[in-house]
Amino acid sequence: MTLSAAAYRRDAPTWTGYGLIGVWAFFLYFIGPASGTIADSLGLGDTAAGFISTALAAGLICAAFAGPLLMRRLGRIRTLLIVLTAMSTLTIVLALSPWYALVLLAVAGLGMTGVTVANSATATLSDRHPHHRARALTEANAAAAWLGVLSPVVLGFFLALPSGLRGAAVVVALVPLIALLPARRLPEPAPPVAGELVADTGRFNPYFWPALVTVSMAVALEFSVNFWAASLIRERTGADAAAAATALAAMTFGIALGRTFAAGLPNRIPVPNLLVVFFLFTCAGLGVLLSAGTLALSLAGLFMTGCGLSVLFPFAQSQAISLGLDRIDRAVALTSLAVGLAIGIAPFILGVLAEAFSLELAFSAGFVLAAVGIASTLIVAAGRHR
């Protein structure tokens, strides 16, 4: 059945799903620019700092397996309440820890709990809006990005104060606690109604796998920029840590703006076409950022990059989930696994390249990631056309 765009309804669980994804985004846009500050405070090099993203990815990968088990055992609501509380506690541990090993454990725990929150919200939105999945996930990520705009601003503000990273962490730790009440009101998932979903074939559409590659490349691009742009700006412009961290808000603002205005595009334009265009626009933004010698030009490059990145993940994820047929929970878990691998590998490799050669050369790897993303998208488009 084909539904018009007007049939899309934002009920209370939909808004709650948007907010829960926002909680996860608020932390993600905090930990990227904060990783450089954490590394400096512990006297770490670029490679060691890159392991912070690897720890985050390890948590995401564990969540892909542990999250569904927890929900089956405890139910979606109880699991959400537990992991939201754990996110708040682990954020404080991250900020107060004087030991590198404990930082890595806290980041891994935050990755595991945070993505469990996001996966629950994604599955809820996918179940409630099966005919408008791309729109629901894009709007959810748009709302999340608007909340995420505040993260680097909060970090930059507190880095300029004596409280520093610890003060910023207190604000970040409050966000999951605020989400506890609306999360309690979410409905538990209902069993499928006969005839509403296609029959379970026991396997995914074969083009699900290249679609999963597109998800990985979208995430690898976003987190490579998120983790290393502040360091690049400091190196190329001479800006201090507070200014460089705050500058990341320009990218997050571009992401939020792009998702806000592009959410309805899949109703008119095929998702693969949109993915190719936005991958190319991201490359243009990266080009400006790499050539920038001033803070103002860096801000312009970050904003352009953010606009390009804005819909890559939600569109790629919705494309992959749609190819998972009715196996939504497993498809979401596998996209989470792809996200974890991308976050774990890409920023770390950039750190190794930066230490071995230069940060500018390492950033150029972003063009390779975009090329792979475009190629996998074209494979999915060709398969669907046939």
Protein backbone atom coordinates (compact mmCIF):
# COMPACT_ATOMS: atom_id res chain seq x y z
CA MET A 1 0.00 0.00 0.00
CA THR A 2 1.31 3.47 -0.85
CA LEU A 3 0.68 6.25 1.57
CA SER A 4 0.93 9.95 0.87
CA ALA A 5 3.28 12.21 2.76
CA ALA A 6 0.23 13.69 4.49
CA ALA A 7 -0.41 10.34 6.22
CA TYR A 8 2.69 10.73 8.37
CA ARG A 9 1.65 11.30 12.01
CA ARG A 10 3.93 12.40 14.84
CA ASP A 11 2.32 10.91 17.95
CA ALA A 12 3.76 10.89 21.49
CA PRO A 13 5.91 7.76 20.98
CA THR A 14 7.30 9.33 17.79
CA TRP A 15 8.40 12.46 19.63
CA THR A 16 9.85 10.32 22.41
CA GLY A 17 11.80 8.33 19.81
CA TYR A 18 13.15 11.60 18.41
CA GLY A 19 14.25 12.66 21.90
CA LEU A 20 15.95 9.37 22.72
CA ILE A 21 18.04 9.50 19.55
CA GLY A 22 18.83 13.09 20.57
CA VAL A 23 20.24 11.89 23.90
CA TRP A 24 22.67 9.64 22.04
CA ALA A 25 23.59 12.40 19.59
CA PHE A 26 24.27 14.87 22.40
CA PHE A 27 26.91 12.53 23.79
CA LEU A 28 28.40 11.66 20.39
CA TYR A 29 28.91 15.29 19.42
CA PHE A 30 30.49 15.83 22.84
CA ILE A 31 32.98 12.95 22.87
CA GLY A 32 34.44 13.75 19.42
CA PRO A 33 35.88 17.20 20.18
CA ALA A 34 36.41 16.23 23.85
CA SER A 35 38.72 13.35 22.90
CA GLY A 36 41.50 15.78 22.03
CA THR A 37 41.15 17.51 25.40
CA ILE A 38 41.13 14.17 27.20
CA ALA A 39 44.24 13.07 25.29
CA ASP A 40 46.04 16.33 26.15
CA SER A 41 45.17 16.05 29.84
CA LEU A 42 46.59 12.50 29.95
CA GLY A 43 49.63 13.31 27.79
CA LEU A 44 48.58 10.99 24.95
CA GLY A 45 49.65 11.04 21.30
CA ASP A 46 47.38 10.96 18.23
CA THR A 47 47.37 7.17 17.99
CA ALA A 48 46.38 6.74 21.64
CA ALA A 49 43.70 9.39 21.23
CA GLY A 50 42.39 7.44 18.24
CA PHE A 51 41.80 4.46 20.56
CA ILE A 52 39.06 6.49 22.27
CA SER A 53 36.96 6.10 19.14
CA THR A 54 37.91 2.41 19.06
CA ALA A 55 36.61 2.01 22.63
CA LEU A 56 33.38 3.72 21.61
CA ALA A 57 33.07 1.34 18.67
CA ALA A 58 33.68 -1.68 20.90
CA GLY A 59 30.70 -0.59 22.99
CA LEU A 60 28.55 -0.23 19.88
CA ILE A 61 29.51 -3.69 18.65
CA CYS A 62 28.73 -5.23 22.05
CA ALA A 63 25.37 -3.46 22.03
CA ALA A 64 24.50 -5.08 18.70
CA PHE A 65 24.47 -8.42 20.51
CA ALA A 66 23.69 -7.52 24.13
CA GLY A 67 20.96 -4.94 23.47
CA PRO A 68 18.41 -7.32 21.90
CA LEU A 69 19.09 -9.90 24.63
CA LEU A 70 18.46 -7.35 27.38
CA MET A 71 15.23 -6.23 25.76
CA ARG A 72 13.94 -9.76 25.40
CA ARG A 73 14.79 -10.48 29.03
CA LEU A 74 13.77 -7.20 30.70
CA GLY A 75 11.49 -5.56 28.15
CA ARG A 76 12.14 -2.39 26.17
CA ILE A 77 11.09 0.08 28.88
CA ARG A 78 13.07 -1.39 31.77
CA THR A 79 16.12 -1.71 29.54
CA LEU A 80 15.82 1.93 28.51
CA LEU A 81 15.56 3.13 32.10
CA ILE A 82 18.64 1.13 33.10
CA VAL A 83 20.84 2.23 30.20
CA LEU A 84 19.82 5.90 30.45
CA THR A 85 20.85 5.92 34.11
CA ALA A 86 24.10 4.14 33.23
CA MET A 87 24.88 6.74 30.54
CA SER A 88 24.64 9.53 33.10
CA THR A 89 26.91 7.74 35.57
CA LEU A 90 29.52 6.79 32.98
CA THR A 91 29.78 10.36 31.70
CA ILE A 92 30.87 11.52 35.16
CA VAL A 93 33.35 8.63 35.38
CA LEU A 94 34.79 9.67 32.00
CA ALA A 95 35.36 13.25 33.10
CA LEU A 96 36.83 12.43 36.52
CA SER A 97 39.09 9.52 35.56
CA PRO A 98 42.84 10.16 35.80
CA TRP A 99 43.63 6.84 34.09
CA TYR A 100 43.62 6.15 30.38
CA ALA A 101 42.35 2.57 30.83
CA LEU A 102 39.34 3.77 32.82
CA VAL A 103 38.61 6.42 30.17
CA LEU A 104 38.50 3.68 27.54
CA LEU A 105 36.21 1.52 29.68
CA ALA A 106 33.87 4.45 30.34
CA VAL A 107 33.70 5.34 26.63
CA ALA A 108 33.01 1.69 25.74
CA GLY A 109 30.23 1.58 28.33
CA LEU A 110 28.77 4.80 26.99
CA GLY A 111 28.84 3.39 23.48
CA MET A 112 27.03 0.24 24.60
CA THR A 113 24.35 2.03 26.62
CA GLY A 114 23.91 4.94 24.23
CA VAL A 115 23.43 2.87 21.11
CA THR A 116 20.98 0.63 22.95
CA VAL A 117 18.90 3.76 23.58
CA ALA A 118 19.19 4.80 19.92
CA ASN A 119 18.43 1.30 18.58
CA SER A 120 15.31 1.08 20.74
CA ALA A 121 14.12 4.41 19.37
CA THR A 122 14.97 3.43 15.78
CA ALA A 123 13.04 0.16 16.05
CA THR A 124 10.07 1.98 17.59
CA LEU A 125 9.99 4.55 14.79
CA SER A 126 10.42 1.87 12.12
CA ASP A 127 7.53 -0.14 13.56
CA ARG A 128 5.22 2.87 13.85
CA HIS A 129 6.03 4.33 10.40
CA PRO A 130 6.82 1.43 8.02
CA HIS A 131 5.71 3.42 4.95
CA HIS A 132 7.61 6.58 5.95
CA ARG A 133 10.69 5.04 7.52
CA ALA A 134 13.20 7.32 5.76
CA ARG A 135 11.25 10.39 6.81
CA ALA A 136 10.86 9.25 10.42
CA LEU A 137 14.54 8.40 10.82
CA THR A 138 15.67 11.58 9.08
CA GLU A 139 13.43 13.76 11.24
CA ALA A 140 14.64 11.91 14.33
CA ASN A 141 18.25 12.51 13.37
CA ALA A 142 17.43 16.14 12.56
CA ALA A 143 16.02 16.66 16.04
CA ALA A 144 19.07 14.88 17.43
CA ALA A 145 21.43 17.09 15.45
CA TRP A 146 19.76 20.26 16.76
CA LEU A 147 20.36 18.98 20.27
CA GLY A 148 23.88 17.94 19.26
CA VAL A 149 24.66 21.52 18.15
CA LEU A 150 24.78 22.41 21.83
CA SER A 151 27.42 19.79 22.74
CA PRO A 152 30.53 21.48 21.27
CA VAL A 153 29.22 24.85 22.47
CA VAL A 154 28.86 23.50 26.01
CA LEU A 155 32.33 21.94 25.80
CA GLY A 156 33.95 25.10 24.45
CA PHE A 157 32.21 27.24 27.09
CA PHE A 158 33.43 25.12 30.00
CA LEU A 159 36.95 24.69 28.58
CA ALA A 160 37.29 28.46 28.91
CA LEU A 161 36.36 28.19 32.62
CA PRO A 162 38.31 26.69 35.55
CA SER A 163 35.90 23.71 35.73
CA GLY A 164 36.94 22.66 32.22
CA LEU A 165 35.91 19.21 30.98
CA ARG A 166 34.37 18.27 34.32
CA GLY A 167 31.87 21.11 34.18
CA ALA A 168 30.83 20.16 30.65
CA ALA A 169 30.42 16.52 31.70
CA VAL A 170 27.91 17.49 34.39
CA VAL A 171 25.67 19.06 31.74
CA VAL A 172 26.04 16.04 29.44
CA ALA A 173 25.23 13.68 32.33
CA LEU A 174 21.92 15.47 33.01
CA VAL A 175 20.54 14.86 29.51
CA PRO A 176 19.88 11.08 29.86
CA LEU A 177 18.19 11.69 33.22
CA ILE A 178 15.76 14.15 31.62
CA ALA A 179 14.71 11.41 29.16
CA LEU A 180 13.75 8.94 31.90
CA LEU A 181 10.15 10.11 32.34
CA PRO A 182 9.06 10.09 28.65
CA ALA A 183 10.86 6.75 28.14
CA ARG A 184 8.67 5.18 30.83
CA ARG A 185 5.58 6.02 28.76
CA LEU A 186 6.70 4.26 25.59
CA PRO A 187 4.61 1.22 24.63
CA GLU A 188 6.23 -2.18 24.62
CA PRO A 189 6.51 -3.57 21.06
CA ALA A 190 3.41 -5.48 20.00
CA PRO A 191 3.62 -8.81 18.13
CA PRO A 192 3.24 -8.50 14.34
CA VAL A 193 -0.29 -8.56 12.94
CA ALA A 194 -0.79 -11.18 10.24
CA GLY A 195 -0.85 -9.66 6.77
CA GLU A 196 0.81 -6.37 7.71
CA LEU A 197 4.35 -7.50 6.94
CA VAL A 198 5.91 -9.55 4.19
CA ALA A 199 6.66 -13.17 4.99
CA ASP A 200 9.97 -13.87 6.73
CA THR A 201 12.17 -15.61 4.16
CA GLY A 202 14.90 -16.39 6.71
CA ARG A 203 17.36 -14.11 4.90
CA PHE A 204 17.85 -10.53 3.82
CA ASN A 205 17.54 -9.14 0.34
CA PRO A 206 21.04 -9.71 -1.15
CA TYR A 207 21.42 -5.96 -1.73
CA PHE A 208 21.13 -5.40 2.01
CA TRP A 209 24.87 -6.04 2.30
CA PRO A 210 26.10 -3.31 -0.09
CA ALA A 211 23.52 -1.05 1.57
CA LEU A 212 25.24 -1.84 4.86
CA VAL A 213 28.56 -0.75 3.31
CA THR A 214 26.94 2.59 2.48
CA VAL A 215 25.90 2.94 6.13
CA SER A 216 29.50 2.23 7.20
CA MET A 217 30.97 4.80 4.83
CA ALA A 218 28.48 7.48 5.90
CA VAL A 219 29.33 6.94 9.55
CA ALA A 220 33.07 6.65 8.91
CA LEU A 221 33.02 10.03 7.16
CA GLU A 222 31.02 11.75 9.89
CA PHE A 223 33.11 10.47 12.78
CA SER A 224 36.44 11.00 11.08
CA VAL A 225 35.54 14.67 10.78
CA ASN A 226 33.94 14.78 14.24
CA PHE A 227 37.00 13.32 15.96
CA TRP A 228 39.78 15.10 14.06
CA ALA A 229 38.43 18.41 12.72
CA ALA A 230 39.18 20.28 15.95
CA SER A 231 42.82 19.12 15.84
CA LEU A 232 43.06 20.07 12.15
CA ILE A 233 41.72 23.56 12.87
CA ARG A 234 44.17 24.06 15.75
CA GLU A 235 47.06 22.93 13.57
CA ARG A 236 46.17 25.01 10.50
CA THR A 237 44.80 28.20 12.07
CA GLY A 238 46.52 28.39 15.47
CA ALA A 239 43.15 28.54 17.27
CA ASP A 240 43.12 27.48 20.93
CA ALA A 241 41.38 24.33 22.18
CA ALA A 242 38.20 26.14 23.26
CA ALA A 243 37.75 27.92 19.90
CA ALA A 244 38.49 24.75 17.90
CA ALA A 245 36.02 22.69 19.93
CA THR A 246 33.32 25.34 19.60
CA ALA A 247 33.92 25.49 15.84
CA LEU A 248 32.55 21.95 15.55
CA ALA A 249 29.13 23.47 16.20
CA ALA A 250 29.26 24.74 12.59
CA MET A 251 29.31 21.17 11.30
CA THR A 252 26.56 20.09 13.68
CA PHE A 253 24.50 23.11 12.64
CA GLY A 254 24.92 22.09 8.98
CA ILE A 255 23.84 18.54 9.85
CA ALA A 256 20.77 19.78 11.72
CA LEU A 257 19.81 22.19 8.96
CA GLY A 258 20.24 19.60 6.22
CA ARG A 259 18.18 16.98 8.02
CA THR A 260 15.45 19.47 8.80
CA PHE A 261 14.93 20.55 5.20
CA ALA A 262 15.76 17.25 3.46
CA ALA A 263 13.55 14.94 5.54
CA GLY A 264 10.76 14.92 2.92
CA LEU A 265 13.00 14.45 -0.13
CA PRO A 266 12.64 10.62 -0.26
CA ASN A 267 8.93 11.17 -1.04
CA ARG A 268 9.97 12.71 -4.38
CA ILE A 269 13.51 11.51 -5.20
CA PRO A 270 14.92 7.95 -4.93
CA VAL A 271 17.13 7.51 -1.89
CA PRO A 272 20.18 6.22 -3.89
CA ASN A 273 20.16 9.40 -6.00
CA LEU A 274 20.07 11.53 -2.86
CA LEU A 275 22.92 9.57 -1.29
CA VAL A 276 25.21 10.12 -4.30
CA VAL A 277 24.50 13.87 -4.35
CA PHE A 278 25.13 14.30 -0.63
CA PHE A 279 28.33 12.22 -0.73
CA LEU A 280 29.63 14.56 -3.45
CA PHE A 281 28.62 17.66 -1.48
CA THR A 282 30.45 16.29 1.56
CA CYS A 283 33.59 15.99 -0.56
CA ALA A 284 33.25 19.66 -1.54
CA GLY A 285 33.03 20.63 2.12
CA LEU A 286 36.09 18.53 2.97
CA GLY A 287 38.00 20.28 0.20
CA VAL A 288 37.23 23.69 1.69
CA LEU A 289 38.13 22.50 5.21
CA LEU A 290 41.46 21.05 4.08
CA SER A 291 42.45 24.23 2.25
CA ALA A 292 41.34 26.60 5.03
CA GLY A 293 44.06 28.71 6.65
CA THR A 294 41.76 30.84 8.78
CA LEU A 295 39.14 30.06 11.39
CA ALA A 296 36.42 31.74 9.32
CA LEU A 297 37.13 29.58 6.26
CA SER A 298 37.33 26.50 8.50
CA LEU A 299 33.84 27.31 9.80
CA ALA A 300 32.57 27.55 6.22
CA GLY A 301 34.14 24.18 5.36
CA LEU A 302 32.68 22.58 8.47
CA PHE A 303 29.23 23.94 7.70
CA MET A 304 29.38 22.64 4.11
CA THR A 305 30.63 19.27 5.31
CA GLY A 306 27.81 19.11 7.85
CA CYS A 307 25.20 19.86 5.18
CA GLY A 308 26.62 17.06 3.05
CA LEU A 309 26.79 14.59 5.93
CA SER A 310 23.34 15.53 7.20
CA VAL A 311 21.22 12.85 5.53
CA LEU A 312 23.84 10.26 4.64
CA PHE A 313 23.33 8.12 7.74
CA PRO A 314 19.51 8.30 8.10
CA PHE A 315 18.94 7.75 4.36
CA ALA A 316 21.51 4.93 4.23
CA GLN A 317 20.08 3.32 7.35
CA SER A 318 16.49 3.50 6.09
CA GLN A 319 17.62 1.97 2.77
CA ALA A 320 19.32 -0.91 4.58
CA ILE A 321 16.37 -1.53 6.93
CA SER A 322 13.97 -1.60 3.98
CA LEU A 323 16.10 -4.34 2.42
CA GLY A 324 15.92 -6.29 5.67
CA LEU A 325 12.29 -7.11 4.81
CA ASP A 326 10.33 -7.65 8.05
CA ARG A 327 13.39 -8.47 10.17
CA ILE A 328 13.58 -4.94 11.53
CA ASP A 329 15.21 -5.72 14.89
CA ARG A 330 17.99 -7.75 13.30
CA ALA A 331 18.49 -5.21 10.50
CA VAL A 332 18.78 -2.40 13.05
CA ALA A 333 21.26 -4.50 15.08
CA LEU A 334 23.38 -5.11 11.98
CA THR A 335 23.38 -1.41 11.09
CA SER A 336 24.54 -0.81 14.67
CA LEU A 337 27.35 -3.30 14.10
CA ALA A 338 28.32 -1.49 10.89
CA VAL A 339 28.28 1.82 12.76
CA GLY A 340 30.49 0.39 15.49
CA LEU A 341 33.05 -0.94 13.04
CA ALA A 342 33.10 2.36 11.14
CA ILE A 343 33.59 4.43 14.28
CA GLY A 344 36.24 2.04 15.57
CA ILE A 345 38.29 1.79 12.42
CA ALA A 346 38.08 5.09 10.53
CA PRO A 347 39.09 7.67 13.21
CA PHE A 348 41.79 5.32 14.50
CA ILE A 349 43.31 4.90 11.04
CA LEU A 350 43.23 8.67 10.61
CA GLY A 351 45.14 8.99 13.89
CA VAL A 352 47.78 6.52 12.72
CA LEU A 353 48.12 8.32 9.37
CA ALA A 354 48.30 11.70 11.10
CA GLU A 355 51.11 10.53 13.38
CA ALA A 356 53.00 8.80 10.56
CA PHE A 357 52.55 11.50 7.90
CA SER A 358 50.36 14.55 8.52
CA LEU A 359 46.82 15.36 9.60
CA GLU A 360 46.08 16.93 6.20
CA LEU A 361 47.02 13.69 4.43
CA ALA A 362 44.98 11.67 6.89
CA PHE A 363 41.93 13.85 6.23
CA SER A 364 42.25 13.17 2.52
CA ALA A 365 41.14 9.61 3.27
CA GLY A 366 37.65 11.09 3.53
CA PHE A 367 37.48 11.28 -0.26
CA VAL A 368 38.20 7.53 -0.47
CA LEU A 369 35.41 6.80 2.02
CA ALA A 370 32.99 8.87 -0.05
CA ALA A 371 34.01 7.06 -3.25
CA VAL A 372 33.33 3.66 -1.65
CA GLY A 373 29.98 4.93 -0.35
CA ILE A 374 28.97 6.11 -3.81
CA ALA A 375 30.02 2.79 -5.39
CA SER A 376 28.00 0.70 -2.90
CA THR A 377 24.99 2.98 -3.37
CA LEU A 378 25.13 2.55 -7.15
CA ILE A 379 25.25 -1.25 -6.69
CA VAL A 380 22.05 -1.10 -4.58
CA ALA A 381 20.38 1.20 -7.13
CA ALA A 382 21.29 -1.11 -10.02
CA GLY A 383 19.99 -4.14 -8.14
CA ARG A 384 16.69 -2.47 -7.31
CA HIS A 385 16.30 -1.32 -10.92
CA ARG A 386 16.71 -4.89 -12.15
